[in-house]
Amino acid sequence: MTAHVSVQIRIKDRAKLKEYASQAPATVAAHGGRFIVRGNVTEVLSGNADLDVVAMIEFPDAETARRWYNSAEYQALIPIREQGADMVFALVEMP
């Protein structure tokens, strides 16, 4: 079953986020994933959200998504990510 990783992003340091963003997509692709949505939040239509960017990454299944997130290659980028932005990652499994 297809699985998605939803990423909600609040930018702290644009230079560090750019550094992270230049490396993270290669780790996604190496695990069979692909970005299907990546864009700036222009308006919050309902609720209270302090978001700048939203991304959605598609993987063949949930286990592959977990392997990507827990991979040594991706884990090595987390310190850069944390300097650049606050991010919430959620695994969404499709029925």
C-alpha atoms as a PDB file:
ATOM      1  CA  MET A   1       0.000   0.000   0.000  1.00  0.00           C
ATOM      2  CA  THR A   2       1.213   3.474  -0.866  1.00  0.00           C
ATOM      3  CA  ALA A   3       2.277   5.595   2.087  1.00  0.00           C
ATOM      4  CA  HIS A   4       2.973   9.288   2.390  1.00  0.00           C
ATOM      5  CA  VAL A   5       5.045  11.397   4.724  1.00  0.00           C
ATOM      6  CA  SER A   6       3.464  14.767   5.415  1.00  0.00           C
ATOM      7  CA  VAL A   7       5.940  17.460   6.439  1.00  0.00           C
ATOM      8  CA  GLN A   8       4.889  20.752   8.020  1.00  0.00           C
ATOM      9  CA  ILE A   9       7.665  23.325   8.151  1.00  0.00           C
ATOM     10  CA  ARG A  10       8.266  26.558  10.057  1.00  0.00           C
ATOM     11  CA  ILE A  11      11.462  28.240   8.860  1.00  0.00           C
ATOM     12  CA  LYS A  12      14.048  29.439  11.407  1.00  0.00           C
ATOM     13  CA  ASP A  13      17.161  29.967   9.253  1.00  0.00           C
ATOM     14  CA  ARG A  14      16.754  30.097   5.469  1.00  0.00           C
ATOM     15  CA  ALA A  15      20.437  29.407   4.746  1.00  0.00           C
ATOM     16  CA  LYS A  16      20.452  26.243   6.881  1.00  0.00           C
ATOM     17  CA  LEU A  17      17.128  25.146   5.411  1.00  0.00           C
ATOM     18  CA  LYS A  18      18.566  25.601   1.914  1.00  0.00           C
ATOM     19  CA  GLU A  19      21.591  23.474   2.897  1.00  0.00           C
ATOM     20  CA  TYR A  20      19.268  20.734   4.208  1.00  0.00           C
ATOM     21  CA  ALA A  21      16.983  20.971   1.168  1.00  0.00           C
ATOM     22  CA  SER A  22      19.930  20.552  -1.191  1.00  0.00           C
ATOM     23  CA  GLN A  23      20.709  17.133   0.325  1.00  0.00           C
ATOM     24  CA  ALA A  24      17.455  15.611   1.609  1.00  0.00           C
ATOM     25  CA  PRO A  25      15.811  14.834  -1.781  1.00  0.00           C
ATOM     26  CA  ALA A  26      18.636  12.458  -2.722  1.00  0.00           C
ATOM     27  CA  THR A  27      17.965  10.423   0.416  1.00  0.00           C
ATOM     28  CA  VAL A  28      14.266  10.246  -0.468  1.00  0.00           C
ATOM     29  CA  ALA A  29      14.995   9.097  -4.030  1.00  0.00           C
ATOM     30  CA  ALA A  30      17.494   6.498  -2.802  1.00  0.00           C
ATOM     31  CA  HIS A  31      14.623   4.873  -0.875  1.00  0.00           C
ATOM     32  CA  GLY A  32      12.115   4.894  -3.715  1.00  0.00           C
ATOM     33  CA  GLY A  33      10.301   8.023  -2.600  1.00  0.00           C
ATOM     34  CA  ARG A  34       9.278  11.106  -4.500  1.00  0.00           C
ATOM     35  CA  PHE A  35       7.984  14.541  -3.579  1.00  0.00           C
ATOM     36  CA  ILE A  36       4.418  14.964  -4.790  1.00  0.00           C
ATOM     37  CA  VAL A  37       3.791  18.316  -3.066  1.00  0.00           C
ATOM     38  CA  ARG A  38       6.256  20.959  -1.956  1.00  0.00           C
ATOM     39  CA  GLY A  39       5.249  24.575  -1.651  1.00  0.00           C
ATOM     40  CA  ASN A  40       4.839  27.699   0.406  1.00  0.00           C
ATOM     41  CA  VAL A  41       1.763  28.124   2.575  1.00  0.00           C
ATOM     42  CA  THR A  42       0.056  31.253   1.266  1.00  0.00           C
ATOM     43  CA  GLU A  43      -3.036  31.184   3.467  1.00  0.00           C
ATOM     44  CA  VAL A  44      -4.425  29.167   6.368  1.00  0.00           C
ATOM     45  CA  LEU A  45      -8.091  28.655   5.587  1.00  0.00           C
ATOM     46  CA  SER A  46      -9.110  27.241   8.965  1.00  0.00           C
ATOM     47  CA  GLY A  47      -7.502  26.739  12.339  1.00  0.00           C
ATOM     48  CA  ASN A  48      -4.328  28.035  13.879  1.00  0.00           C
ATOM     49  CA  ALA A  49      -1.168  27.107  12.013  1.00  0.00           C
ATOM     50  CA  ASP A  50       2.237  28.744  12.024  1.00  0.00           C
ATOM     51  CA  LEU A  51       3.511  27.131   8.823  1.00  0.00           C
ATOM     52  CA  ASP A  52       5.710  28.407   6.017  1.00  0.00           C
ATOM     53  CA  VAL A  53       6.061  25.323   3.808  1.00  0.00           C
ATOM     54  CA  VAL A  54       4.266  22.002   3.383  1.00  0.00           C
ATOM     55  CA  ALA A  55       5.603  18.906   1.623  1.00  0.00           C
ATOM     56  CA  MET A  56       4.199  15.469   0.892  1.00  0.00           C
ATOM     57  CA  ILE A  57       6.508  12.569   0.021  1.00  0.00           C
ATOM     58  CA  GLU A  58       5.173   9.364  -1.527  1.00  0.00           C
ATOM     59  CA  PHE A  59       6.723   5.956  -0.823  1.00  0.00           C
ATOM     60  CA  PRO A  60       5.753   2.493  -2.071  1.00  0.00           C
ATOM     61  CA  ASP A  61       4.723   1.484   1.467  1.00  0.00           C
ATOM     62  CA  ALA A  62       5.004   2.506   5.109  1.00  0.00           C
ATOM     63  CA  GLU A  63       7.994   0.299   5.846  1.00  0.00           C
ATOM     64  CA  THR A  64       9.976   1.948   3.043  1.00  0.00           C
ATOM     65  CA  ALA A  65       9.076   5.384   4.437  1.00  0.00           C
ATOM     66  CA  ARG A  66      10.288   4.317   7.883  1.00  0.00           C
ATOM     67  CA  ARG A  67      13.532   2.931   6.414  1.00  0.00           C
ATOM     68  CA  TRP A  68      14.146   6.258   4.684  1.00  0.00           C
ATOM     69  CA  TYR A  69      13.531   8.316   7.827  1.00  0.00           C
ATOM     70  CA  ASN A  70      15.685   6.044   9.973  1.00  0.00           C
ATOM     71  CA  SER A  71      18.477   5.645   7.396  1.00  0.00           C
ATOM     72  CA  ALA A  72      21.959   6.785   8.347  1.00  0.00           C
ATOM     73  CA  GLU A  73      21.994   9.130   5.336  1.00  0.00           C
ATOM     74  CA  TYR A  74      18.846  10.951   6.405  1.00  0.00           C
ATOM     75  CA  GLN A  75      19.616  10.904  10.127  1.00  0.00           C
ATOM     76  CA  ALA A  76      22.923  12.665   9.367  1.00  0.00           C
ATOM     77  CA  LEU A  77      20.930  15.626   7.979  1.00  0.00           C
ATOM     78  CA  ILE A  78      18.757  16.124  11.057  1.00  0.00           C
ATOM     79  CA  PRO A  79      21.147  18.513  12.875  1.00  0.00           C
ATOM     80  CA  ILE A  80      21.138  20.788   9.801  1.00  0.00           C
ATOM     81  CA  ARG A  81      17.349  20.439   9.516  1.00  0.00           C
ATOM     82  CA  GLU A  82      16.860  21.420  13.146  1.00  0.00           C
ATOM     83  CA  GLN A  83      18.974  24.547  12.678  1.00  0.00           C
ATOM     84  CA  GLY A  84      16.992  25.526   9.588  1.00  0.00           C
ATOM     85  CA  ALA A  85      13.413  24.803  10.590  1.00  0.00           C
ATOM     86  CA  ASP A  86      10.977  23.250  12.970  1.00  0.00           C
ATOM     87  CA  MET A  87       9.348  20.336  11.157  1.00  0.00           C
ATOM     88  CA  VAL A  88       6.586  17.876  11.927  1.00  0.00           C
ATOM     89  CA  PHE A  89       6.707  14.551  10.049  1.00  0.00           C
ATOM     90  CA  ALA A  90       3.607  12.349   9.921  1.00  0.00           C
ATOM     91  CA  LEU A  91       3.327   8.944   8.257  1.00  0.00           C
ATOM     92  CA  VAL A  92       0.044   8.596   6.368  1.00  0.00           C
ATOM     93  CA  GLU A  93      -0.896   5.148   5.099  1.00  0.00           C
ATOM     94  CA  MET A  94      -3.317   4.861   2.218  1.00  0.00           C
ATOM     95  CA  PRO A  95      -5.989   2.143   2.358  1.00  0.00           C
END
